[in-house]
Every structure is written in structure tokens, then in C-alpha cells.
Amino acid sequence: MKPRLISFKREVGRRSLDNPKTEVLFVVIDSDISKNYPLNFVCVLPLSEGLWGGHSAFRKLFGEESIPLAKRLLSKALIKESDSEIKTEIGRRLKLLNPKTTLLSKMPILQKSL
């Protein structure tokens, strides 16, 4: 399997036309199956809660490799992506996958002692 990540933006909810809410969805595909989406669809990349534990399809497929694989896929996508909203979401998800870094950034006193 050669997993890759593709992203989609879609409007969700019942917001006014002036201020639509946009959601970014990350889909894991297997380029060994087919070159065309959705024929190569594997699963949706869950938020960090679904990667650390939980019952996501991604976690069931990749097991202990879920976190490292998610980081690799998101890091590669960050390099290739040109859309600023998607890049922001990728960055947010990468931070969520590094809880130690996120925790330290919220505690300046700990940063000084390290």
C-alpha cells in the first residue's frame, strides 16, 4: 500500500452567505489501487483523538503506525499544498499530534526550566 493524503474544502452548516463555514477534510488514498479518486479511497484521516485511541478506520488499518504515518502524510501535504486555509489546518493537526510541544507552548514557566 502506498498511502497518500488529499484534501477537500467544503462548506458546512447553515451559515449566512456572507460568512460560510468551511471545513477541511483529509482523505487517505492508496495510489497502488488506482490513480483516480474515489476508486483509491482508503479512509478519512481522523482528528487526533481518533489517532491516539478510539475506533477510527485509520487506526484499525495502520495500528501502532497511525501516529507516525499521520505525521508523515500531513508533513508531505504541508509542503505540496498552496491553499492557505488548508495549510493552516494541516499545521493545527500537526500540533495536535505533538502533545508535548502543545503543552509546553501553553506553559512558559516550563519552557524556561527546560
PDB file of N, CA and C in Angstrom:
ATOM      1  N   MET A   1       0.844  -1.184   0.000  1.00  0.00           N
ATOM      2  CA  MET A   1       0.000   0.000   0.000  1.00  0.00           C
ATOM      3  C   MET A   1       0.888   1.246   0.000  1.00  0.00           C
ATOM      4  N   LYS A   2       0.541   2.205  -0.843  1.00  0.00           N
ATOM      5  CA  LYS A   2       1.237   3.491  -0.903  1.00  0.00           C
ATOM      6  C   LYS A   2       0.251   4.590  -0.497  1.00  0.00           C
ATOM      7  N   PRO A   3       0.113   4.818   0.826  1.00  0.00           N
ATOM      8  CA  PRO A   3      -0.863   5.825   1.259  1.00  0.00           C
ATOM      9  C   PRO A   3      -0.412   7.242   0.933  1.00  0.00           C
ATOM     10  N   ARG A   4      -1.374   8.046   0.520  1.00  0.00           N
ATOM     11  CA  ARG A   4      -1.174   9.471   0.259  1.00  0.00           C
ATOM     12  C   ARG A   4      -2.357  10.211   0.836  1.00  0.00           C
ATOM     13  N   LEU A   5      -2.194  11.500   0.986  1.00  0.00           N
ATOM     14  CA  LEU A   5      -3.256  12.319   1.554  1.00  0.00           C
ATOM     15  C   LEU A   5      -3.734  13.320   0.521  1.00  0.00           C
ATOM     16  N   ILE A   6      -5.039  13.438   0.371  1.00  0.00           N
ATOM     17  CA  ILE A   6      -5.609  14.504  -0.443  1.00  0.00           C
ATOM     18  C   ILE A   6      -6.576  15.288   0.438  1.00  0.00           C
ATOM     19  N   SER A   7      -6.775  16.537   0.100  1.00  0.00           N
ATOM     20  CA  SER A   7      -7.627  17.387   0.940  1.00  0.00           C
ATOM     21  C   SER A   7      -8.743  18.004   0.115  1.00  0.00           C
ATOM     22  N   PHE A   8      -9.842  18.242   0.804  1.00  0.00           N
ATOM     23  CA  PHE A   8     -11.013  18.881   0.205  1.00  0.00           C
ATOM     24  C   PHE A   8     -11.491  19.970   1.146  1.00  0.00           C
ATOM     25  N   LYS A   9     -11.980  21.043   0.589  1.00  0.00           N
ATOM     26  CA  LYS A   9     -12.656  22.070   1.379  1.00  0.00           C
ATOM     27  C   LYS A   9     -14.121  22.019   1.011  1.00  0.00           C
ATOM     28  N   ARG A  10     -14.961  22.118   2.036  1.00  0.00           N
ATOM     29  CA  ARG A  10     -16.389  22.146   1.757  1.00  0.00           C
ATOM     30  C   ARG A  10     -17.080  23.048   2.764  1.00  0.00           C
ATOM     31  N   GLU A  11     -18.163  23.650   2.318  1.00  0.00           N
ATOM     32  CA  GLU A  11     -18.949  24.499   3.196  1.00  0.00           C
ATOM     33  C   GLU A  11     -19.919  23.628   3.975  1.00  0.00           C
ATOM     34  N   VAL A  12     -20.025  23.905   5.275  1.00  0.00           N
ATOM     35  CA  VAL A  12     -20.897  23.109   6.135  1.00  0.00           C
ATOM     36  C   VAL A  12     -21.783  24.015   6.967  1.00  0.00           C
ATOM     37  N   GLY A  13     -22.849  23.474   7.461  1.00  0.00           N
ATOM     38  CA  GLY A  13     -23.734  24.205   8.351  1.00  0.00           C
ATOM     39  C   GLY A  13     -24.632  25.176   7.616  1.00  0.00           C
ATOM     40  N   ARG A  14     -25.401  25.880   8.394  1.00  0.00           N
ATOM     41  CA  ARG A  14     -26.346  26.852   7.840  1.00  0.00           C
ATOM     42  C   ARG A  14     -25.901  28.262   8.197  1.00  0.00           C
ATOM     43  N   ARG A  15     -24.780  28.647   7.674  1.00  0.00           N
ATOM     44  CA  ARG A  15     -24.280  29.999   7.882  1.00  0.00           C
ATOM     45  C   ARG A  15     -24.848  30.923   6.816  1.00  0.00           C
ATOM     46  N   SER A  16     -24.742  32.195   7.074  1.00  0.00           N
ATOM     47  CA  SER A  16     -25.212  33.143   6.068  1.00  0.00           C
ATOM     48  C   SER A  16     -24.304  33.078   4.844  1.00  0.00           C
ATOM     49  N   LEU A  17     -24.787  33.565   3.738  1.00  0.00           N
ATOM     50  CA  LEU A  17     -23.989  33.563   2.510  1.00  0.00           C
ATOM     51  C   LEU A  17     -22.761  34.456   2.636  1.00  0.00           C
ATOM     52  N   ASP A  18     -22.831  35.447   3.530  1.00  0.00           N
ATOM     53  CA  ASP A  18     -21.699  36.347   3.722  1.00  0.00           C
ATOM     54  C   ASP A  18     -20.570  35.691   4.513  1.00  0.00           C
ATOM     55  N   ASN A  19     -20.901  34.707   5.350  1.00  0.00           N
ATOM     56  CA  ASN A  19     -19.906  34.112   6.228  1.00  0.00           C
ATOM     57  C   ASN A  19     -20.065  32.583   6.283  1.00  0.00           C
ATOM     58  N   PRO A  20     -19.785  31.893   5.184  1.00  0.00           N
ATOM     59  CA  PRO A  20     -19.938  30.436   5.216  1.00  0.00           C
ATOM     60  C   PRO A  20     -18.827  29.788   6.047  1.00  0.00           C
ATOM     61  N   LYS A  21     -19.131  28.684   6.714  1.00  0.00           N
ATOM     62  CA  LYS A  21     -18.134  27.934   7.476  1.00  0.00           C
ATOM     63  C   LYS A  21     -17.523  26.894   6.540  1.00  0.00           C
ATOM     64  N   THR A  22     -16.209  26.876   6.495  1.00  0.00           N
ATOM     65  CA  THR A  22     -15.502  25.944   5.634  1.00  0.00           C
ATOM     66  C   THR A  22     -14.844  24.869   6.487  1.00  0.00           C
ATOM     67  N   GLU A  23     -14.979  23.633   6.048  1.00  0.00           N
ATOM     68  CA  GLU A  23     -14.365  22.501   6.724  1.00  0.00           C
ATOM     69  C   GLU A  23     -13.334  21.890   5.780  1.00  0.00           C
ATOM     70  N   VAL A  24     -12.200  21.486   6.334  1.00  0.00           N
ATOM     71  CA  VAL A  24     -11.178  20.815   5.539  1.00  0.00           C
ATOM     72  C   VAL A  24     -11.230  19.336   5.887  1.00  0.00           C
ATOM     73  N   LEU A  25     -11.313  18.513   4.862  1.00  0.00           N
ATOM     74  CA  LEU A  25     -11.403  17.067   5.034  1.00  0.00           C
ATOM     75  C   LEU A  25     -10.161  16.443   4.403  1.00  0.00           C
ATOM     76  N   PHE A  26      -9.497  15.570   5.159  1.00  0.00           N
ATOM     77  CA  PHE A  26      -8.314  14.877   4.654  1.00  0.00           C
ATOM     78  C   PHE A  26      -8.667  13.413   4.413  1.00  0.00           C
ATOM     79  N   VAL A  27      -8.378  12.947   3.211  1.00  0.00           N
ATOM     80  CA  VAL A  27      -8.717  11.588   2.808  1.00  0.00           C
ATOM     81  C   VAL A  27      -7.430  10.834   2.490  1.00  0.00           C
ATOM     82  N   VAL A  28      -7.319   9.629   3.015  1.00  0.00           N
ATOM     83  CA  VAL A  28      -6.173   8.772   2.718  1.00  0.00           C
ATOM     84  C   VAL A  28      -6.536   7.925   1.508  1.00  0.00           C
ATOM     85  N   ILE A  29      -5.651   7.950   0.529  1.00  0.00           N
ATOM     86  CA  ILE A  29      -5.851   7.160  -0.688  1.00  0.00           C
ATOM     87  C   ILE A  29      -4.673   6.207  -0.863  1.00  0.00           C
ATOM     88  N   ASP A  30      -4.864   5.188  -1.659  1.00  0.00           N
ATOM     89  CA  ASP A  30      -3.804   4.238  -1.981  1.00  0.00           C
ATOM     90  C   ASP A  30      -3.536   4.324  -3.476  1.00  0.00           C
ATOM     91  N   SER A  31      -2.382   4.860  -3.827  1.00  0.00           N
ATOM     92  CA  SER A  31      -2.076   5.039  -5.245  1.00  0.00           C
ATOM     93  C   SER A  31      -1.747   3.714  -5.937  1.00  0.00           C
ATOM     94  N   ASP A  32      -1.595   2.637  -5.176  1.00  0.00           N
ATOM     95  CA  ASP A  32      -1.414   1.308  -5.786  1.00  0.00           C
ATOM     96  C   ASP A  32      -2.725   0.778  -6.358  1.00  0.00           C
ATOM     97  N   ILE A  33      -3.847   1.175  -5.769  1.00  0.00           N
ATOM     98  CA  ILE A  33      -5.158   0.677  -6.209  1.00  0.00           C
ATOM     99  C   ILE A  33      -5.564   1.311  -7.532  1.00  0.00           C
ATOM    100  N   SER A  34      -5.510   2.645  -7.573  1.00  0.00           N
ATOM    101  CA  SER A  34      -5.928   3.378  -8.762  1.00  0.00           C
ATOM    102  C   SER A  34      -5.350   4.786  -8.692  1.00  0.00           C
ATOM    103  N   LYS A  35      -5.306   5.444  -9.806  1.00  0.00           N
ATOM    104  CA  LYS A  35      -4.840   6.836  -9.845  1.00  0.00           C
ATOM    105  C   LYS A  35      -5.983   7.812  -9.620  1.00  0.00           C
ATOM    106  N   ASN A  36      -7.223   7.328  -9.671  1.00  0.00           N
ATOM    107  CA  ASN A  36      -8.394   8.201  -9.625  1.00  0.00           C
ATOM    108  C   ASN A  36      -9.166   8.070  -8.322  1.00  0.00           C
ATOM    109  N   TYR A  37      -9.462   9.231  -7.721  1.00  0.00           N
ATOM    110  CA  TYR A  37     -10.341   9.266  -6.560  1.00  0.00           C
ATOM    111  C   TYR A  37     -11.777   9.238  -7.058  1.00  0.00           C
ATOM    112  N   PRO A  38     -12.677   8.532  -6.514  1.00  0.00           N
ATOM    113  CA  PRO A  38     -12.709   7.817  -5.241  1.00  0.00           C
ATOM    114  C   PRO A  38     -12.369   6.331  -5.335  1.00  0.00           C
ATOM    115  N   LEU A  39     -11.928   5.859  -6.493  1.00  0.00           N
ATOM    116  CA  LEU A  39     -11.607   4.436  -6.621  1.00  0.00           C
ATOM    117  C   LEU A  39     -10.477   4.014  -5.687  1.00  0.00           C
ATOM    118  N   ASN A  40      -9.601   4.957  -5.334  1.00  0.00           N
ATOM    119  CA  ASN A  40      -8.456   4.625  -4.490  1.00  0.00           C
ATOM    120  C   ASN A  40      -8.666   5.034  -3.028  1.00  0.00           C
ATOM    121  N   PHE A  41      -9.897   5.325  -2.647  1.00  0.00           N
ATOM    122  CA  PHE A  41     -10.221   5.740  -1.288  1.00  0.00           C
ATOM    123  C   PHE A  41      -9.910   4.628  -0.294  1.00  0.00           C
ATOM    124  N   VAL A  42      -9.248   5.005   0.815  1.00  0.00           N
ATOM    125  CA  VAL A  42      -8.965   4.061   1.891  1.00  0.00           C
ATOM    126  C   VAL A  42      -9.773   4.426   3.126  1.00  0.00           C
ATOM    127  N   CYS A  43      -9.591   5.655   3.618  1.00  0.00           N
ATOM    128  CA  CYS A  43     -10.325   6.114   4.797  1.00  0.00           C
ATOM    129  C   CYS A  43     -10.116   7.617   4.958  1.00  0.00           C
ATOM    130  N   VAL A  44     -10.829   8.186   5.907  1.00  0.00           N
ATOM    131  CA  VAL A  44     -10.673   9.593   6.253  1.00  0.00           C
ATOM    132  C   VAL A  44      -9.651   9.681   7.374  1.00  0.00           C
ATOM    133  N   LEU A  45      -8.762  10.675   7.310  1.00  0.00           N
ATOM    134  CA  LEU A  45      -7.812  10.905   8.390  1.00  0.00           C
ATOM    135  C   LEU A  45      -8.563  11.577   9.539  1.00  0.00           C
ATOM    136  N   PRO A  46      -8.662  10.908  10.690  1.00  0.00           N
ATOM    137  CA  PRO A  46      -9.431  11.489  11.793  1.00  0.00           C
ATOM    138  C   PRO A  46      -8.661  12.592  12.495  1.00  0.00           C
ATOM    139  N   LEU A  47      -9.353  13.334  13.340  1.00  0.00           N
ATOM    140  CA  LEU A  47      -8.674  14.288  14.214  1.00  0.00           C
ATOM    141  C   LEU A  47      -7.815  13.495  15.190  1.00  0.00           C
ATOM    142  N   SER A  48      -6.999  14.175  15.951  1.00  0.00           N
ATOM    143  CA  SER A  48      -6.016  13.486  16.793  1.00  0.00           C
ATOM    144  C   SER A  48      -6.634  12.498  17.778  1.00  0.00           C
ATOM    145  N   GLU A  49      -7.848  12.766  18.270  1.00  0.00           N
ATOM    146  CA  GLU A  49      -8.466  11.844  19.223  1.00  0.00           C
ATOM    147  C   GLU A  49      -8.659  10.467  18.604  1.00  0.00           C
ATOM    148  N   GLY A  50      -8.994  10.433  17.331  1.00  0.00           N
ATOM    149  CA  GLY A  50      -9.194   9.170  16.631  1.00  0.00           C
ATOM    150  C   GLY A  50      -7.899   8.442  16.331  1.00  0.00           C
ATOM    151  N   LEU A  51      -6.780   9.164  16.385  1.00  0.00           N
ATOM    152  CA  LEU A  51      -5.487   8.542  16.135  1.00  0.00           C
ATOM    153  C   LEU A  51      -4.883   7.966  17.409  1.00  0.00           C
ATOM    154  N   TRP A  52      -5.048   8.672  18.525  1.00  0.00           N
ATOM    155  CA  TRP A  52      -4.444   8.240  19.788  1.00  0.00           C
ATOM    156  C   TRP A  52      -5.156   7.035  20.369  1.00  0.00           C
ATOM    157  N   GLY A  53      -6.400   6.956  20.177  1.00  0.00           N
ATOM    158  CA  GLY A  53      -7.205   5.858  20.710  1.00  0.00           C
ATOM    159  C   GLY A  53      -8.478   5.881  19.908  1.00  0.00           C
ATOM    160  N   GLY A  54      -9.461   5.253  20.347  1.00  0.00           N
ATOM    161  CA  GLY A  54     -10.704   5.329  19.597  1.00  0.00           C
ATOM    162  C   GLY A  54     -10.794   4.249  18.547  1.00  0.00           C
ATOM    163  N   HIS A  55     -11.808   4.371  17.734  1.00  0.00           N
ATOM    164  CA  HIS A  55     -12.148   3.283  16.824  1.00  0.00           C
ATOM    165  C   HIS A  55     -12.216   3.759  15.373  1.00  0.00           C
ATOM    166  N   SER A  56     -11.296   4.617  14.977  1.00  0.00           N
ATOM    167  CA  SER A  56     -11.324   5.110  13.603  1.00  0.00           C
ATOM    168  C   SER A  56     -10.831   4.033  12.640  1.00  0.00           C
ATOM    169  N   ALA A  57     -11.289   4.126  11.410  1.00  0.00           N
ATOM    170  CA  ALA A  57     -10.838   3.190  10.370  1.00  0.00           C
ATOM    171  C   ALA A  57      -9.339   3.329  10.143  1.00  0.00           C
ATOM    172  N   PHE A  58      -8.829   4.552  10.244  1.00  0.00           N
ATOM    173  CA  PHE A  58      -7.398   4.800  10.063  1.00  0.00           C
ATOM    174  C   PHE A  58      -6.600   4.029  11.116  1.00  0.00           C
ATOM    175  N   ARG A  59      -7.013   4.130  12.361  1.00  0.00           N
ATOM    176  CA  ARG A  59      -6.335   3.436  13.467  1.00  0.00           C
ATOM    177  C   ARG A  59      -6.428   1.916  13.294  1.00  0.00           C
ATOM    178  N   LYS A  60      -7.576   1.432  12.856  1.00  0.00           N
ATOM    179  CA  LYS A  60      -7.742  -0.013  12.652  1.00  0.00           C
ATOM    180  C   LYS A  60      -6.843  -0.517  11.523  1.00  0.00           C
ATOM    181  N   LEU A  61      -6.693   0.271  10.473  1.00  0.00           N
ATOM    182  CA  LEU A  61      -5.861  -0.130   9.332  1.00  0.00           C
ATOM    183  C   LEU A  61      -4.371  -0.090   9.633  1.00  0.00           C
ATOM    184  N   PHE A  62      -3.922   0.975  10.316  1.00  0.00           N
ATOM    185  CA  PHE A  62      -2.489   1.201  10.465  1.00  0.00           C
ATOM    186  C   PHE A  62      -1.955   0.933  11.871  1.00  0.00           C
ATOM    187  N   GLY A  63      -2.833   0.663  12.827  1.00  0.00           N
ATOM    188  CA  GLY A  63      -2.425   0.251  14.168  1.00  0.00           C
ATOM    189  C   GLY A  63      -1.416   1.180  14.817  1.00  0.00           C
ATOM    190  N   GLU A  64      -0.321   0.603  15.300  1.00  0.00           N
ATOM    191  CA  GLU A  64       0.711   1.364  16.012  1.00  0.00           C
ATOM    192  C   GLU A  64       1.408   2.395  15.115  1.00  0.00           C
ATOM    193  N   GLU A  65       1.318   2.212  13.830  1.00  0.00           N
ATOM    194  CA  GLU A  65       1.938   3.154  12.889  1.00  0.00           C
ATOM    195  C   GLU A  65       1.045   4.365  12.589  1.00  0.00           C
ATOM    196  N   SER A  66      -0.121   4.431  13.205  1.00  0.00           N
ATOM    197  CA  SER A  66      -1.081   5.502  12.904  1.00  0.00           C
ATOM    198  C   SER A  66      -0.503   6.897  13.112  1.00  0.00           C
ATOM    199  N   ILE A  67       0.080   7.145  14.270  1.00  0.00           N
ATOM    200  CA  ILE A  67       0.597   8.482  14.585  1.00  0.00           C
ATOM    201  C   ILE A  67       1.774   8.848  13.676  1.00  0.00           C
ATOM    202  N   PRO A  68       2.816   7.989  13.576  1.00  0.00           N
ATOM    203  CA  PRO A  68       3.924   8.346  12.676  1.00  0.00           C
ATOM    204  C   PRO A  68       3.479   8.527  11.214  1.00  0.00           C
ATOM    205  N   LEU A  69       2.557   7.674  10.766  1.00  0.00           N
ATOM    206  CA  LEU A  69       2.077   7.785   9.382  1.00  0.00           C
ATOM    207  C   LEU A  69       1.291   9.077   9.190  1.00  0.00           C
ATOM    208  N   ALA A  70       0.432   9.411  10.131  1.00  0.00           N
ATOM    209  CA  ALA A  70      -0.337  10.654  10.036  1.00  0.00           C
ATOM    210  C   ALA A  70       0.596  11.864   9.981  1.00  0.00           C
ATOM    211  N   LYS A  71       1.641  11.864  10.793  1.00  0.00           N
ATOM    212  CA  LYS A  71       2.613  12.967  10.782  1.00  0.00           C
ATOM    213  C   LYS A  71       3.311  13.063   9.433  1.00  0.00           C
ATOM    214  N   ARG A  72       3.730  11.910   8.890  1.00  0.00           N
ATOM    215  CA  ARG A  72       4.406  11.911   7.579  1.00  0.00           C
ATOM    216  C   ARG A  72       3.483  12.426   6.488  1.00  0.00           C
ATOM    217  N   LEU A  73       2.248  11.912   6.467  1.00  0.00           N
ATOM    218  CA  LEU A  73       1.297  12.325   5.428  1.00  0.00           C
ATOM    219  C   LEU A  73       0.997  13.823   5.517  1.00  0.00           C
ATOM    220  N   LEU A  74       0.778  14.311   6.731  1.00  0.00           N
ATOM    221  CA  LEU A  74       0.481  15.738   6.904  1.00  0.00           C
ATOM    222  C   LEU A  74       1.691  16.602   6.564  1.00  0.00           C
ATOM    223  N   SER A  75       2.872  16.162   6.933  1.00  0.00           N
ATOM    224  CA  SER A  75       4.086  16.935   6.628  1.00  0.00           C
ATOM    225  C   SER A  75       4.318  17.044   5.124  1.00  0.00           C
ATOM    226  N   LYS A  76       4.121  15.938   4.416  1.00  0.00           N
ATOM    227  CA  LYS A  76       4.263  15.969   2.952  1.00  0.00           C
ATOM    228  C   LYS A  76       3.200  16.872   2.323  1.00  0.00           C
ATOM    229  N   ALA A  77       1.971  16.784   2.841  1.00  0.00           N
ATOM    230  CA  ALA A  77       0.887  17.614   2.308  1.00  0.00           C
ATOM    231  C   ALA A  77       1.169  19.100   2.558  1.00  0.00           C
ATOM    232  N   LEU A  78       1.759  19.418   3.703  1.00  0.00           N
ATOM    233  CA  LEU A  78       2.070  20.815   4.021  1.00  0.00           C
ATOM    234  C   LEU A  78       3.050  21.411   3.015  1.00  0.00           C
ATOM    235  N   ILE A  79       4.001  20.613   2.581  1.00  0.00           N
ATOM    236  CA  ILE A  79       4.995  21.076   1.603  1.00  0.00           C
ATOM    237  C   ILE A  79       4.351  21.319   0.241  1.00  0.00           C
ATOM    238  N   LYS A  80       3.460  20.426  -0.169  1.00  0.00           N
ATOM    239  CA  LYS A  80       2.869  20.496  -1.508  1.00  0.00           C
ATOM    240  C   LYS A  80       1.679  21.443  -1.612  1.00  0.00           C
ATOM    241  N   GLU A  81       1.006  21.700  -0.494  1.00  0.00           N
ATOM    242  CA  GLU A  81      -0.237  22.476  -0.515  1.00  0.00           C
ATOM    243  C   GLU A  81       0.010  23.960  -0.761  1.00  0.00           C
ATOM    244  N   SER A  82      -0.870  24.589  -1.544  1.00  0.00           N
ATOM    245  CA  SER A  82      -0.753  26.031  -1.816  1.00  0.00           C
ATOM    246  C   SER A  82      -1.883  26.832  -1.168  1.00  0.00           C
ATOM    247  N   ASP A  83      -2.993  26.193  -0.839  1.00  0.00           N
ATOM    248  CA  ASP A  83      -4.136  26.877  -0.243  1.00  0.00           C
ATOM    249  C   ASP A  83      -3.841  27.220   1.225  1.00  0.00           C
ATOM    250  N   SER A  84      -3.983  28.486   1.587  1.00  0.00           N
ATOM    251  CA  SER A  84      -3.621  28.920   2.939  1.00  0.00           C
ATOM    252  C   SER A  84      -4.525  28.336   4.019  1.00  0.00           C
ATOM    253  N   GLU A  85      -5.815  28.176   3.741  1.00  0.00           N
ATOM    254  CA  GLU A  85      -6.722  27.589   4.730  1.00  0.00           C
ATOM    255  C   GLU A  85      -6.367  26.131   5.011  1.00  0.00           C
ATOM    256  N   ILE A  86      -6.031  25.407   3.981  1.00  0.00           N
ATOM    257  CA  ILE A  86      -5.666  24.004   4.148  1.00  0.00           C
ATOM    258  C   ILE A  86      -4.329  23.897   4.871  1.00  0.00           C
ATOM    259  N   LYS A  87      -3.377  24.769   4.536  1.00  0.00           N
ATOM    260  CA  LYS A  87      -2.090  24.763   5.225  1.00  0.00           C
ATOM    261  C   LYS A  87      -2.260  25.051   6.713  1.00  0.00           C
ATOM    262  N   THR A  88      -3.151  25.971   7.043  1.00  0.00           N
ATOM    263  CA  THR A  88      -3.421  26.288   8.447  1.00  0.00           C
ATOM    264  C   THR A  88      -3.979  25.074   9.170  1.00  0.00           C
ATOM    265  N   GLU A  89      -4.901  24.370   8.537  1.00  0.00           N
ATOM    266  CA  GLU A  89      -5.493  23.175   9.150  1.00  0.00           C
ATOM    267  C   GLU A  89      -4.462  22.064   9.298  1.00  0.00           C
ATOM    268  N   ILE A  90      -3.587  21.910   8.319  1.00  0.00           N
ATOM    269  CA  ILE A  90      -2.524  20.904   8.421  1.00  0.00           C
ATOM    270  C   ILE A  90      -1.631  21.231   9.614  1.00  0.00           C
ATOM    271  N   GLY A  91      -1.246  22.496   9.750  1.00  0.00           N
ATOM    272  CA  GLY A  91      -0.409  22.917  10.871  1.00  0.00           C
ATOM    273  C   GLY A  91      -1.082  22.656  12.212  1.00  0.00           C
ATOM    274  N   ARG A  92      -2.381  22.927  12.277  1.00  0.00           N
ATOM    275  CA  ARG A  92      -3.129  22.707  13.515  1.00  0.00           C
ATOM    276  C   ARG A  92      -3.148  21.218  13.874  1.00  0.00           C
ATOM    277  N   ARG A  93      -3.355  20.386  12.873  1.00  0.00           N
ATOM    278  CA  ARG A  93      -3.391  18.941  13.131  1.00  0.00           C
ATOM    279  C   ARG A  93      -2.017  18.397  13.513  1.00  0.00           C
ATOM    280  N   LEU A  94      -0.970  18.931  12.900  1.00  0.00           N
ATOM    281  CA  LEU A  94       0.381  18.503  13.282  1.00  0.00           C
ATOM    282  C   LEU A  94       0.675  18.879  14.734  1.00  0.00           C
ATOM    283  N   LYS A  95       0.244  20.057  15.151  1.00  0.00           N
ATOM    284  CA  LYS A  95       0.440  20.457  16.551  1.00  0.00           C
ATOM    285  C   LYS A  95      -0.311  19.533  17.490  1.00  0.00           C
ATOM    286  N   LEU A  96      -1.510  19.129  17.116  1.00  0.00           N
ATOM    287  CA  LEU A  96      -2.295  18.223  17.959  1.00  0.00           C
ATOM    288  C   LEU A  96      -1.632  16.849  18.082  1.00  0.00           C
ATOM    289  N   LEU A  97      -0.854  16.474  17.083  1.00  0.00           N
ATOM    290  CA  LEU A  97      -0.163  15.188  17.125  1.00  0.00           C
ATOM    291  C   LEU A  97       1.122  15.238  17.940  1.00  0.00           C
ATOM    292  N   ASN A  98       1.533  16.429  18.354  1.00  0.00           N
ATOM    293  CA  ASN A  98       2.707  16.605  19.202  1.00  0.00           C
ATOM    294  C   ASN A  98       2.267  17.208  20.525  1.00  0.00           C
ATOM    295  N   PRO A  99       1.627  16.417  21.396  1.00  0.00           N
ATOM    296  CA  PRO A  99       1.047  16.977  22.616  1.00  0.00           C
ATOM    297  C   PRO A  99       2.077  17.606  23.539  1.00  0.00           C
ATOM    298  N   LYS A 100       3.297  17.104  23.555  1.00  0.00           N
ATOM    299  CA  LYS A 100       4.320  17.669  24.422  1.00  0.00           C
ATOM    300  C   LYS A 100       4.629  19.101  24.005  1.00  0.00           C
ATOM    301  N   THR A 101       4.772  19.330  22.708  1.00  0.00           N
ATOM    302  CA  THR A 101       5.037  20.664  22.182  1.00  0.00           C
ATOM    303  C   THR A 101       3.865  21.589  22.480  1.00  0.00           C
ATOM    304  N   THR A 102       2.655  21.110  22.276  1.00  0.00           N
ATOM    305  CA  THR A 102       1.469  21.918  22.527  1.00  0.00           C
ATOM    306  C   THR A 102       1.367  22.271  24.001  1.00  0.00           C
ATOM    307  N   LEU A 103       1.638  21.315  24.883  1.00  0.00           N
ATOM    308  CA  LEU A 103       1.572  21.551  26.314  1.00  0.00           C
ATOM    309  C   LEU A 103       2.621  22.560  26.745  1.00  0.00           C
ATOM    310  N   LEU A 104       3.842  22.421  26.235  1.00  0.00           N
ATOM    311  CA  LEU A 104       4.909  23.348  26.600  1.00  0.00           C
ATOM    312  C   LEU A 104       4.623  24.770  26.125  1.00  0.00           C
ATOM    313  N   SER A 105       4.018  24.908  24.961  1.00  0.00           N
ATOM    314  CA  SER A 105       3.738  26.242  24.451  1.00  0.00           C
ATOM    315  C   SER A 105       2.705  26.957  25.300  1.00  0.00           C
ATOM    316  N   LYS A 106       1.897  26.208  26.049  1.00  0.00           N
ATOM    317  CA  LYS A 106       0.893  26.809  26.912  1.00  0.00           C
ATOM    318  C   LYS A 106       1.452  27.104  28.309  1.00  0.00           C
ATOM    319  N   MET A 107       2.662  26.622  28.602  1.00  0.00           N
ATOM    320  CA  MET A 107       3.250  26.796  29.926  1.00  0.00           C
ATOM    321  C   MET A 107       4.628  27.426  29.816  1.00  0.00           C
ATOM    322  N   PRO A 108       4.720  28.755  29.761  1.00  0.00           N
ATOM    323  CA  PRO A 108       6.012  29.420  29.592  1.00  0.00           C
ATOM    324  C   PRO A 108       7.000  29.133  30.723  1.00  0.00           C
ATOM    325  N   ILE A 109       6.517  28.876  31.920  1.00  0.00           N
ATOM    326  CA  ILE A 109       7.404  28.593  33.043  1.00  0.00           C
ATOM    327  C   ILE A 109       8.191  27.304  32.796  1.00  0.00           C
ATOM    328  N   LEU A 110       7.511  26.288  32.242  1.00  0.00           N
ATOM    329  CA  LEU A 110       8.185  25.026  31.926  1.00  0.00           C
ATOM    330  C   LEU A 110       9.217  25.217  30.830  1.00  0.00           C
ATOM    331  N   GLN A 111       8.944  26.086  29.863  1.00  0.00           N
ATOM    332  CA  GLN A 111       9.880  26.312  28.768  1.00  0.00           C
ATOM    333  C   GLN A 111      11.209  26.841  29.318  1.00  0.00           C
ATOM    334  N   LYS A 112      11.143  27.758  30.286  1.00  0.00           N
ATOM    335  CA  LYS A 112      12.363  28.343  30.861  1.00  0.00           C
ATOM    336  C   LYS A 112      13.172  27.322  31.641  1.00  0.00           C
ATOM    337  N   SER A 113      12.479  26.394  32.312  1.00  0.00           N
ATOM    338  CA  SER A 113      13.206  25.403  33.114  1.00  0.00           C
ATOM    339  C   SER A 113      13.843  24.314  32.257  1.00  0.00           C
ATOM    340  N   LEU A 114      13.341  24.149  31.036  1.00  0.00           N
ATOM    341  CA  LEU A 114      13.927  23.123  30.153  1.00  0.00           C
ATOM    342  C   LEU A 114      15.037  23.747  29.407  1.00  0.00           C
TER     343      LEU A 114
END
